[in-house]
Amino acid sequence: MVELTGVVMSADSLRYLPFVSVNLPSKRIGTTTSEQGVFTMIAEKGDTLEFTSVGYRKKRFIIPANLSSSRYSIIQLMAQDTFFLSPTIIRPRISKEEFDKAFKTMHIPDDKLETARKNTEYQTMRLLAAIMPRDGRENQHFYQNMQTQKNYWAGQQPPMTIFSPLAWMEFFKAWKRGDFKRK
């Protein structure tokens, strides 16, 4: 393991570059530089660092594999990158009537329309929702809801729903459907 400390600067003016992303793509970890362009991270000998910032070219740095010390310092210079965007044509807004007419007369090829219909069918969406795992946001939301319910009644018995009209309504509906009959 190597404790890596460094400064990221612009190549043309030698100004410190704040908030540059410093990543180890192989390990999916990283950090950002401070307002003074300084960063610190732990890496292994032979790892490749990747420096990225908006307006600058991406740079890579390979930590030497033959280091004798467990600490290493670098100064990374980054060159500005200029790029041209394709031209954007701004037109005045059309009236509601013109939009309605254009929308109604628009021709959509059948193959794309059918694909869109198949992808948005109710059964397809339900099937996908059932087999897709939760993402991180959904898991966090579910966990926080569980913790909230658990902590809401901390130190006391949770209430019983025996006097709840909604619970009785659900019970009577289930009874009428025959949910309690022996099969």
N, C-alpha and C. Protein backbone atom coordinates (compact mmCIF):
# COMPACT_ATOMS: atom_id res chain seq x y z
N MET A 1 0.84 -1.18 0.00
CA MET A 1 0.00 0.00 0.00
C MET A 1 0.88 1.24 0.00
N VAL A 2 0.40 2.25 -0.72
CA VAL A 2 1.14 3.51 -0.85
C VAL A 2 0.21 4.64 -0.47
N GLU A 3 0.68 5.54 0.40
CA GLU A 3 -0.08 6.74 0.71
C GLU A 3 0.33 7.77 -0.34
N LEU A 4 -0.60 8.11 -1.20
CA LEU A 4 -0.33 8.98 -2.34
C LEU A 4 -0.85 10.37 -2.04
N THR A 5 0.02 11.37 -2.15
CA THR A 5 -0.35 12.76 -1.94
C THR A 5 0.06 13.52 -3.18
N GLY A 6 -0.75 14.47 -3.60
CA GLY A 6 -0.39 15.19 -4.81
C GLY A 6 -1.10 16.51 -4.94
N VAL A 7 -0.66 17.25 -5.96
CA VAL A 7 -1.23 18.53 -6.30
C VAL A 7 -1.55 18.50 -7.79
N VAL A 8 -2.72 18.98 -8.15
CA VAL A 8 -3.12 19.04 -9.56
C VAL A 8 -3.12 20.51 -9.97
N MET A 9 -2.41 20.80 -11.08
CA MET A 9 -2.27 22.18 -11.54
C MET A 9 -2.53 22.25 -13.04
N SER A 10 -2.88 23.45 -13.52
CA SER A 10 -3.06 23.62 -14.96
C SER A 10 -1.68 23.73 -15.60
N ALA A 11 -1.51 23.17 -16.78
CA ALA A 11 -0.21 23.12 -17.43
C ALA A 11 0.22 24.48 -17.96
N ASP A 12 -0.74 25.32 -18.34
CA ASP A 12 -0.35 26.59 -18.96
C ASP A 12 -0.06 27.70 -17.95
N SER A 13 -0.80 27.75 -16.84
CA SER A 13 -0.62 28.86 -15.90
C SER A 13 -0.14 28.42 -14.52
N LEU A 14 0.00 27.12 -14.32
CA LEU A 14 0.42 26.56 -13.02
C LEU A 14 -0.48 27.02 -11.87
N ARG A 15 -1.78 27.15 -12.17
CA ARG A 15 -2.77 27.44 -11.14
C ARG A 15 -3.24 26.12 -10.54
N TYR A 16 -3.56 26.15 -9.25
CA TYR A 16 -4.13 24.97 -8.62
C TYR A 16 -5.51 24.71 -9.22
N LEU A 17 -5.83 23.45 -9.45
CA LEU A 17 -7.15 23.10 -9.99
C LEU A 17 -7.98 22.46 -8.88
N PRO A 18 -9.02 23.15 -8.42
CA PRO A 18 -9.86 22.58 -7.36
C PRO A 18 -10.87 21.58 -7.94
N PHE A 19 -11.29 20.65 -7.11
CA PHE A 19 -12.38 19.72 -7.40
C PHE A 19 -12.14 18.86 -8.63
N VAL A 20 -10.91 18.45 -8.86
CA VAL A 20 -10.59 17.51 -9.94
C VAL A 20 -10.87 16.10 -9.41
N SER A 21 -11.49 15.25 -10.22
CA SER A 21 -11.75 13.87 -9.82
C SER A 21 -10.48 13.04 -9.99
N VAL A 22 -10.08 12.35 -8.93
CA VAL A 22 -8.92 11.46 -8.96
C VAL A 22 -9.47 10.07 -8.66
N ASN A 23 -9.39 9.17 -9.66
CA ASN A 23 -10.02 7.86 -9.53
C ASN A 23 -9.02 6.73 -9.75
N LEU A 24 -9.33 5.61 -9.12
CA LEU A 24 -8.67 4.34 -9.41
C LEU A 24 -9.72 3.48 -10.10
N PRO A 25 -9.78 3.51 -11.43
CA PRO A 25 -10.86 2.80 -12.14
C PRO A 25 -10.89 1.30 -11.84
N SER A 26 -9.75 0.68 -11.61
CA SER A 26 -9.73 -0.76 -11.38
C SER A 26 -10.39 -1.13 -10.05
N LYS A 27 -10.38 -0.22 -9.08
CA LYS A 27 -10.96 -0.51 -7.77
C LYS A 27 -12.26 0.25 -7.53
N ARG A 28 -12.63 1.11 -8.48
CA ARG A 28 -13.84 1.92 -8.37
C ARG A 28 -13.86 2.78 -7.11
N ILE A 29 -12.73 3.37 -6.79
CA ILE A 29 -12.66 4.31 -5.68
C ILE A 29 -12.03 5.58 -6.20
N GLY A 30 -12.21 6.65 -5.46
CA GLY A 30 -11.62 7.90 -5.88
C GLY A 30 -11.83 8.99 -4.87
N THR A 31 -11.34 10.17 -5.22
CA THR A 31 -11.46 11.34 -4.37
C THR A 31 -11.48 12.57 -5.27
N THR A 32 -11.58 13.73 -4.66
CA THR A 32 -11.48 14.99 -5.40
C THR A 32 -10.44 15.86 -4.74
N THR A 33 -9.89 16.77 -5.52
CA THR A 33 -8.90 17.68 -4.96
C THR A 33 -9.59 18.76 -4.15
N SER A 34 -8.85 19.32 -3.21
CA SER A 34 -9.39 20.39 -2.38
C SER A 34 -9.41 21.70 -3.18
N GLU A 35 -9.78 22.78 -2.52
CA GLU A 35 -9.80 24.08 -3.19
C GLU A 35 -8.41 24.52 -3.61
N GLN A 36 -7.38 23.98 -2.95
CA GLN A 36 -5.99 24.30 -3.31
C GLN A 36 -5.41 23.27 -4.27
N GLY A 37 -6.21 22.34 -4.78
CA GLY A 37 -5.75 21.35 -5.74
C GLY A 37 -5.03 20.17 -5.13
N VAL A 38 -5.11 19.97 -3.82
CA VAL A 38 -4.39 18.91 -3.12
C VAL A 38 -5.30 17.70 -2.94
N PHE A 39 -4.74 16.51 -3.06
CA PHE A 39 -5.49 15.27 -2.81
C PHE A 39 -4.59 14.27 -2.08
N THR A 40 -5.23 13.34 -1.38
CA THR A 40 -4.55 12.24 -0.69
C THR A 40 -5.41 11.01 -0.85
N MET A 41 -4.77 9.89 -1.14
CA MET A 41 -5.50 8.63 -1.21
C MET A 41 -4.55 7.46 -1.01
N ILE A 42 -5.10 6.31 -0.71
CA ILE A 42 -4.34 5.09 -0.54
C ILE A 42 -4.49 4.26 -1.81
N ALA A 43 -3.37 3.77 -2.33
CA ALA A 43 -3.39 2.96 -3.55
C ALA A 43 -2.32 1.88 -3.42
N GLU A 44 -2.21 1.07 -4.43
CA GLU A 44 -1.19 0.02 -4.46
C GLU A 44 -0.19 0.33 -5.56
N LYS A 45 1.01 -0.22 -5.41
CA LYS A 45 2.05 -0.02 -6.41
C LYS A 45 1.58 -0.61 -7.73
N GLY A 46 1.79 0.13 -8.80
CA GLY A 46 1.38 -0.31 -10.13
C GLY A 46 -0.03 0.09 -10.52
N ASP A 47 -0.80 0.69 -9.60
CA ASP A 47 -2.16 1.14 -9.93
C ASP A 47 -2.11 2.33 -10.88
N THR A 48 -3.18 2.49 -11.64
CA THR A 48 -3.28 3.62 -12.57
C THR A 48 -4.30 4.62 -12.03
N LEU A 49 -3.88 5.85 -11.87
CA LEU A 49 -4.78 6.93 -11.44
C LEU A 49 -5.32 7.63 -12.67
N GLU A 50 -6.54 8.11 -12.57
CA GLU A 50 -7.16 8.83 -13.67
C GLU A 50 -7.65 10.18 -13.14
N PHE A 51 -7.18 11.25 -13.78
CA PHE A 51 -7.54 12.61 -13.39
C PHE A 51 -8.50 13.17 -14.43
N THR A 52 -9.68 13.64 -13.98
CA THR A 52 -10.65 14.22 -14.91
C THR A 52 -11.22 15.50 -14.32
N SER A 53 -11.44 16.46 -15.20
CA SER A 53 -12.05 17.72 -14.81
C SER A 53 -12.67 18.34 -16.06
N VAL A 54 -13.79 19.01 -15.89
CA VAL A 54 -14.46 19.64 -17.03
C VAL A 54 -13.57 20.73 -17.59
N GLY A 55 -13.35 20.69 -18.90
CA GLY A 55 -12.52 21.69 -19.55
C GLY A 55 -11.06 21.30 -19.67
N TYR A 56 -10.70 20.12 -19.14
CA TYR A 56 -9.31 19.66 -19.21
C TYR A 56 -9.27 18.25 -19.77
N ARG A 57 -8.15 17.93 -20.42
CA ARG A 57 -7.98 16.59 -20.97
C ARG A 57 -7.79 15.59 -19.84
N LYS A 58 -8.32 14.40 -20.04
CA LYS A 58 -8.17 13.32 -19.07
C LYS A 58 -6.70 12.90 -19.03
N LYS A 59 -6.15 12.70 -17.82
CA LYS A 59 -4.76 12.27 -17.67
C LYS A 59 -4.72 10.99 -16.86
N ARG A 60 -3.74 10.16 -17.17
CA ARG A 60 -3.51 8.92 -16.42
C ARG A 60 -2.09 8.93 -15.87
N PHE A 61 -1.96 8.36 -14.67
CA PHE A 61 -0.66 8.27 -14.04
C PHE A 61 -0.53 6.87 -13.43
N ILE A 62 0.57 6.19 -13.74
CA ILE A 62 0.81 4.86 -13.19
C ILE A 62 1.78 4.99 -12.02
N ILE A 63 1.38 4.50 -10.86
CA ILE A 63 2.24 4.53 -9.68
C ILE A 63 3.37 3.53 -9.91
N PRO A 64 4.63 3.97 -9.77
CA PRO A 64 5.75 3.06 -10.02
C PRO A 64 5.67 1.80 -9.15
N ALA A 65 5.95 0.66 -9.77
CA ALA A 65 5.87 -0.62 -9.05
C ALA A 65 7.09 -0.88 -8.19
N ASN A 66 8.19 -0.14 -8.41
CA ASN A 66 9.43 -0.40 -7.68
C ASN A 66 9.69 0.64 -6.60
N LEU A 67 8.66 1.13 -5.94
CA LEU A 67 8.83 2.11 -4.87
C LEU A 67 9.41 1.45 -3.64
N SER A 68 10.33 2.15 -2.97
CA SER A 68 10.89 1.60 -1.74
C SER A 68 10.18 2.15 -0.51
N SER A 69 9.44 3.24 -0.67
CA SER A 69 8.75 3.88 0.43
C SER A 69 7.25 3.61 0.35
N SER A 70 6.57 3.80 1.45
CA SER A 70 5.12 3.62 1.45
C SER A 70 4.40 4.95 1.23
N ARG A 71 5.16 6.00 0.93
CA ARG A 71 4.58 7.32 0.64
C ARG A 71 5.13 7.79 -0.70
N TYR A 72 4.26 8.48 -1.45
CA TYR A 72 4.67 8.97 -2.76
C TYR A 72 3.92 10.26 -3.03
N SER A 73 4.62 11.25 -3.58
CA SER A 73 4.02 12.55 -3.90
C SER A 73 4.17 12.83 -5.38
N ILE A 74 3.11 13.44 -5.95
CA ILE A 74 3.19 13.79 -7.37
C ILE A 74 2.62 15.19 -7.59
N ILE A 75 3.04 15.79 -8.69
CA ILE A 75 2.44 17.03 -9.18
C ILE A 75 1.91 16.69 -10.56
N GLN A 76 0.60 16.75 -10.73
CA GLN A 76 -0.02 16.39 -11.99
C GLN A 76 -0.44 17.66 -12.73
N LEU A 77 0.08 17.84 -13.93
CA LEU A 77 -0.30 18.98 -14.76
C LEU A 77 -1.38 18.54 -15.74
N MET A 78 -2.40 19.39 -15.90
CA MET A 78 -3.49 19.07 -16.82
C MET A 78 -3.62 20.16 -17.86
N ALA A 79 -3.74 19.76 -19.13
CA ALA A 79 -3.87 20.70 -20.24
C ALA A 79 -5.34 20.98 -20.51
N GLN A 80 -5.62 22.23 -20.88
CA GLN A 80 -6.99 22.60 -21.20
C GLN A 80 -7.42 21.91 -22.49
N ASP A 81 -8.68 21.57 -22.53
CA ASP A 81 -9.23 20.89 -23.70
C ASP A 81 -10.36 21.76 -24.25
N THR A 82 -10.23 22.14 -25.50
CA THR A 82 -11.31 22.92 -26.12
C THR A 82 -12.05 22.03 -27.09
N PHE A 83 -13.33 22.16 -27.12
CA PHE A 83 -14.14 21.38 -28.05
C PHE A 83 -15.28 22.27 -28.52
N PHE A 84 -15.76 21.95 -29.67
CA PHE A 84 -16.83 22.74 -30.27
C PHE A 84 -18.11 21.93 -30.27
N LEU A 85 -19.18 22.59 -29.87
CA LEU A 85 -20.49 21.96 -29.89
C LEU A 85 -21.13 22.20 -31.25
N SER A 86 -21.96 21.29 -31.65
CA SER A 86 -22.68 21.48 -32.91
C SER A 86 -23.63 22.66 -32.76
N PRO A 87 -23.90 23.38 -33.83
CA PRO A 87 -24.75 24.57 -33.70
C PRO A 87 -26.18 24.20 -33.31
N THR A 88 -26.78 25.06 -32.53
CA THR A 88 -28.16 24.89 -32.11
C THR A 88 -28.99 25.98 -32.76
N ILE A 89 -30.08 25.59 -33.37
CA ILE A 89 -30.95 26.55 -34.04
C ILE A 89 -32.14 26.82 -33.12
N ILE A 90 -32.33 28.06 -32.77
CA ILE A 90 -33.43 28.45 -31.89
C ILE A 90 -34.49 29.12 -32.74
N ARG A 91 -35.69 28.57 -32.66
CA ARG A 91 -36.79 29.11 -33.45
C ARG A 91 -37.87 29.61 -32.51
N PRO A 92 -38.70 30.54 -32.99
CA PRO A 92 -39.77 31.03 -32.12
C PRO A 92 -40.79 29.92 -31.87
N ARG A 93 -41.47 30.07 -30.77
CA ARG A 93 -42.50 29.11 -30.40
C ARG A 93 -43.64 29.12 -31.40
N ILE A 94 -44.15 27.93 -31.69
CA ILE A 94 -45.32 27.88 -32.57
C ILE A 94 -46.58 27.98 -31.72
N SER A 95 -47.67 28.33 -32.35
CA SER A 95 -48.91 28.47 -31.61
C SER A 95 -49.45 27.09 -31.25
N LYS A 96 -50.42 27.07 -30.34
CA LYS A 96 -51.01 25.81 -29.90
C LYS A 96 -51.70 25.10 -31.06
N GLU A 97 -52.35 25.86 -31.92
CA GLU A 97 -53.04 25.27 -33.07
C GLU A 97 -52.04 24.62 -34.03
N GLU A 98 -50.94 25.31 -34.28
CA GLU A 98 -49.91 24.74 -35.17
C GLU A 98 -49.31 23.47 -34.57
N PHE A 99 -49.10 23.49 -33.26
CA PHE A 99 -48.57 22.30 -32.60
C PHE A 99 -49.55 21.14 -32.70
N ASP A 100 -50.82 21.39 -32.43
CA ASP A 100 -51.84 20.35 -32.53
C ASP A 100 -51.88 19.75 -33.93
N LYS A 101 -51.85 20.61 -34.93
CA LYS A 101 -51.89 20.14 -36.32
C LYS A 101 -50.65 19.30 -36.65
N ALA A 102 -49.48 19.78 -36.26
CA ALA A 102 -48.23 19.04 -36.53
C ALA A 102 -48.22 17.71 -35.79
N PHE A 103 -48.73 17.69 -34.56
CA PHE A 103 -48.74 16.47 -33.76
C PHE A 103 -49.71 15.44 -34.34
N LYS A 104 -50.86 15.89 -34.78
CA LYS A 104 -51.87 14.98 -35.31
C LYS A 104 -51.49 14.43 -36.67
N THR A 105 -50.77 15.20 -37.46
CA THR A 105 -50.40 14.74 -38.81
C THR A 105 -49.02 14.07 -38.84
N MET A 106 -48.36 13.98 -37.71
CA MET A 106 -47.03 13.37 -37.67
C MET A 106 -47.14 11.88 -37.99
N HIS A 107 -46.26 11.40 -38.83
CA HIS A 107 -46.26 9.99 -39.22
C HIS A 107 -45.17 9.26 -38.44
N ILE A 108 -45.59 8.25 -37.68
CA ILE A 108 -44.64 7.43 -36.93
C ILE A 108 -44.61 6.07 -37.60
N PRO A 109 -43.43 5.58 -37.96
CA PRO A 109 -43.35 4.26 -38.60
C PRO A 109 -43.94 3.18 -37.70
N ASP A 110 -44.62 2.20 -38.32
CA ASP A 110 -45.31 1.16 -37.57
C ASP A 110 -44.37 0.35 -36.70
N ASP A 111 -43.17 0.05 -37.17
CA ASP A 111 -42.29 -0.80 -36.39
C ASP A 111 -41.88 -0.13 -35.08
N LYS A 112 -41.61 1.16 -35.09
CA LYS A 112 -41.25 1.86 -33.85
C LYS A 112 -42.45 2.01 -32.94
N LEU A 113 -43.61 2.25 -33.52
CA LEU A 113 -44.82 2.38 -32.73
C LEU A 113 -45.16 1.05 -32.05
N GLU A 114 -45.06 -0.04 -32.79
CA GLU A 114 -45.33 -1.35 -32.20
C GLU A 114 -44.34 -1.69 -31.09
N THR A 115 -43.09 -1.36 -31.31
CA THR A 115 -42.07 -1.59 -30.28
C THR A 115 -42.40 -0.81 -29.03
N ALA A 116 -42.81 0.45 -29.20
CA ALA A 116 -43.18 1.28 -28.05
C ALA A 116 -44.39 0.70 -27.33
N ARG A 117 -45.37 0.22 -28.09
CA ARG A 117 -46.56 -0.38 -27.47
C ARG A 117 -46.21 -1.62 -26.67
N LYS A 118 -45.37 -2.49 -27.26
CA LYS A 118 -44.99 -3.72 -26.57
C LYS A 118 -44.20 -3.41 -25.29
N ASN A 119 -43.34 -2.41 -25.36
CA ASN A 119 -42.51 -2.08 -24.20
C ASN A 119 -43.29 -1.42 -23.08
N THR A 120 -44.44 -0.84 -23.40
CA THR A 120 -45.22 -0.15 -22.37
C THR A 120 -46.52 -0.87 -22.04
N GLU A 121 -46.68 -2.10 -22.47
CA GLU A 121 -47.86 -2.88 -22.10
C GLU A 121 -47.89 -3.09 -20.60
N TYR A 122 -49.09 -3.13 -20.05
CA TYR A 122 -49.26 -3.27 -18.61
C TYR A 122 -48.62 -4.56 -18.09
N GLN A 123 -48.86 -5.68 -18.78
CA GLN A 123 -48.32 -6.96 -18.32
C GLN A 123 -46.80 -6.97 -18.38
N THR A 124 -46.24 -6.39 -19.43
CA THR A 124 -44.78 -6.34 -19.56
C THR A 124 -44.18 -5.51 -18.44
N MET A 125 -44.78 -4.38 -18.15
CA MET A 125 -44.28 -3.51 -17.08
C MET A 125 -44.38 -4.21 -15.72
N ARG A 126 -45.49 -4.93 -15.48
CA ARG A 126 -45.64 -5.65 -14.20
C ARG A 126 -44.60 -6.75 -14.07
N LEU A 127 -44.36 -7.49 -15.18
CA LEU A 127 -43.37 -8.56 -15.16
C LEU A 127 -41.98 -8.00 -14.89
N LEU A 128 -41.64 -6.92 -15.57
CA LEU A 128 -40.33 -6.31 -15.35
C LEU A 128 -40.18 -5.80 -13.93
N ALA A 129 -41.24 -5.20 -13.39
CA ALA A 129 -41.19 -4.69 -12.02
C ALA A 129 -41.02 -5.82 -11.02
N ALA A 130 -41.59 -6.98 -11.31
CA ALA A 130 -41.50 -8.11 -10.39
C ALA A 130 -40.11 -8.74 -10.38
N ILE A 131 -39.45 -8.77 -11.53
CA ILE A 131 -38.16 -9.47 -11.59
C ILE A 131 -36.96 -8.55 -11.42
N MET A 132 -37.18 -7.23 -11.53
CA MET A 132 -36.05 -6.31 -11.39
C MET A 132 -35.71 -6.14 -9.91
N PRO A 133 -34.43 -6.21 -9.55
CA PRO A 133 -34.07 -5.96 -8.16
C PRO A 133 -34.19 -4.49 -7.83
N ARG A 134 -34.31 -4.19 -6.55
CA ARG A 134 -34.37 -2.80 -6.14
C ARG A 134 -33.02 -2.14 -6.35
N ASP A 135 -33.03 -0.86 -6.65
CA ASP A 135 -31.77 -0.14 -6.74
C ASP A 135 -31.42 0.41 -5.35
N GLY A 136 -30.30 1.08 -5.26
CA GLY A 136 -29.82 1.58 -3.97
C GLY A 136 -30.79 2.55 -3.32
N ARG A 137 -31.40 3.43 -4.12
CA ARG A 137 -32.33 4.41 -3.57
C ARG A 137 -33.55 3.71 -2.98
N GLU A 138 -34.07 2.71 -3.69
CA GLU A 138 -35.25 2.00 -3.19
C GLU A 138 -34.91 1.20 -1.93
N ASN A 139 -33.75 0.56 -1.91
CA ASN A 139 -33.35 -0.18 -0.71
C ASN A 139 -33.20 0.75 0.49
N GLN A 140 -32.58 1.89 0.27
CA GLN A 140 -32.40 2.86 1.36
C GLN A 140 -33.75 3.34 1.86
N HIS A 141 -34.68 3.63 0.95
CA HIS A 141 -36.02 4.09 1.34
C HIS A 141 -36.74 3.00 2.15
N PHE A 142 -36.68 1.75 1.68
CA PHE A 142 -37.32 0.64 2.38
C PHE A 142 -36.74 0.46 3.78
N TYR A 143 -35.41 0.52 3.89
CA TYR A 143 -34.74 0.35 5.18
C TYR A 143 -35.11 1.48 6.14
N GLN A 144 -35.14 2.71 5.65
CA GLN A 144 -35.47 3.83 6.51
C GLN A 144 -36.93 3.76 6.98
N ASN A 145 -37.82 3.30 6.11
CA ASN A 145 -39.21 3.11 6.53
C ASN A 145 -39.32 2.06 7.63
N MET A 146 -38.58 0.96 7.49
CA MET A 146 -38.58 -0.08 8.53
C MET A 146 -38.06 0.47 9.85
N GLN A 147 -36.96 1.23 9.79
CA GLN A 147 -36.40 1.81 11.00
C GLN A 147 -37.35 2.82 11.64
N THR A 148 -38.04 3.60 10.82
CA THR A 148 -39.00 4.57 11.33
C THR A 148 -40.13 3.86 12.05
N GLN A 149 -40.68 2.81 11.45
CA GLN A 149 -41.76 2.06 12.09
C GLN A 149 -41.29 1.41 13.40
N LYS A 150 -40.08 0.89 13.37
CA LYS A 150 -39.53 0.25 14.57
C LYS A 150 -39.31 1.26 15.69
N ASN A 151 -38.76 2.43 15.33
CA ASN A 151 -38.45 3.44 16.35
C ASN A 151 -39.68 4.23 16.80
N TYR A 152 -40.74 4.24 15.99
CA TYR A 152 -41.93 4.99 16.34
C TYR A 152 -42.56 4.46 17.62
N TRP A 153 -42.53 3.15 17.78
CA TRP A 153 -43.15 2.53 18.95
C TRP A 153 -42.10 2.05 19.94
N ALA A 154 -40.90 2.62 19.91
CA ALA A 154 -39.82 2.20 20.82
C ALA A 154 -40.25 2.39 22.27
N GLY A 155 -40.08 1.34 23.08
CA GLY A 155 -40.40 1.42 24.50
C GLY A 155 -41.84 1.17 24.84
N GLN A 156 -42.68 0.88 23.86
CA GLN A 156 -44.08 0.62 24.14
C GLN A 156 -44.62 -0.40 23.15
N GLN A 157 -45.74 -0.95 23.48
CA GLN A 157 -46.38 -1.95 22.64
C GLN A 157 -47.04 -1.28 21.44
N PRO A 158 -46.80 -1.76 20.20
CA PRO A 158 -47.51 -1.18 19.06
C PRO A 158 -49.01 -1.39 19.20
N PRO A 159 -49.83 -0.50 18.70
CA PRO A 159 -51.29 -0.63 18.87
C PRO A 159 -51.83 -1.81 18.07
N MET A 160 -52.91 -2.38 18.61
CA MET A 160 -53.59 -3.46 17.90
C MET A 160 -54.70 -2.83 17.06
N THR A 161 -54.93 -3.41 15.91
CA THR A 161 -55.92 -2.83 15.00
C THR A 161 -57.31 -3.42 15.19
N ILE A 162 -57.60 -3.95 16.36
CA ILE A 162 -58.90 -4.58 16.58
C ILE A 162 -60.04 -3.57 16.55
N PHE A 163 -59.77 -2.33 16.90
CA PHE A 163 -60.82 -1.32 16.90
C PHE A 163 -60.79 -0.45 15.64
N SER A 164 -59.99 -0.81 14.69
CA SER A 164 -59.91 -0.03 13.46
C SER A 164 -61.03 -0.43 12.50
N PRO A 165 -61.83 0.52 12.05
CA PRO A 165 -62.90 0.21 11.11
C PRO A 165 -62.35 -0.33 9.78
N LEU A 166 -61.19 0.17 9.37
CA LEU A 166 -60.61 -0.31 8.13
C LEU A 166 -60.19 -1.77 8.23
N ALA A 167 -59.64 -2.15 9.39
CA ALA A 167 -59.24 -3.54 9.58
C ALA A 167 -60.46 -4.45 9.56
N TRP A 168 -61.58 -4.02 10.20
CA TRP A 168 -62.80 -4.81 10.20
C TRP A 168 -63.38 -4.92 8.79
N MET A 169 -63.29 -3.82 8.02
CA MET A 169 -63.80 -3.84 6.66
C MET A 169 -63.02 -4.86 5.82
N GLU A 170 -61.70 -4.88 5.97
CA GLU A 170 -60.89 -5.85 5.25
C GLU A 170 -61.22 -7.28 5.69
N PHE A 171 -61.47 -7.48 6.98
CA PHE A 171 -61.84 -8.80 7.50
C PHE A 171 -63.16 -9.27 6.88
N PHE A 172 -64.17 -8.39 6.83
CA PHE A 172 -65.46 -8.79 6.26
C PHE A 172 -65.35 -9.08 4.76
N LYS A 173 -64.54 -8.29 4.04
CA LYS A 173 -64.35 -8.55 2.61
C LYS A 173 -63.70 -9.92 2.40
N ALA A 174 -62.70 -10.24 3.22
CA ALA A 174 -62.02 -11.53 3.10
C ALA A 174 -62.98 -12.67 3.45
N TRP A 175 -63.83 -12.46 4.43
CA TRP A 175 -64.80 -13.47 4.84
C TRP A 175 -65.80 -13.72 3.71
N LYS A 176 -66.29 -12.65 3.07
CA LYS A 176 -67.23 -12.79 1.96
C LYS A 176 -66.58 -13.49 0.77
N ARG A 177 -65.31 -13.22 0.53
CA ARG A 177 -64.61 -13.88 -0.57
C ARG A 177 -64.34 -15.35 -0.28
N GLY A 178 -64.41 -15.73 0.97
CA GLY A 178 -64.17 -17.12 1.33
C GLY A 178 -62.71 -17.42 1.64
N ASP A 179 -61.97 -16.44 2.05
CA ASP A 179 -60.55 -16.65 2.34
C ASP A 179 -60.32 -17.56 3.54
N PHE A 180 -61.31 -17.71 4.41
CA PHE A 180 -61.12 -18.47 5.63
C PHE A 180 -61.71 -19.89 5.54
N LYS A 181 -62.25 -20.27 4.38
CA LYS A 181 -62.81 -21.61 4.23
C LYS A 181 -61.69 -22.63 4.12
N ARG A 182 -61.93 -23.81 4.67
CA ARG A 182 -60.95 -24.89 4.55
C ARG A 182 -60.98 -25.45 3.15
N LYS A 183 -59.83 -25.75 2.64
CA LYS A 183 -59.76 -26.25 1.26
C LYS A 183 -59.34 -27.69 1.22
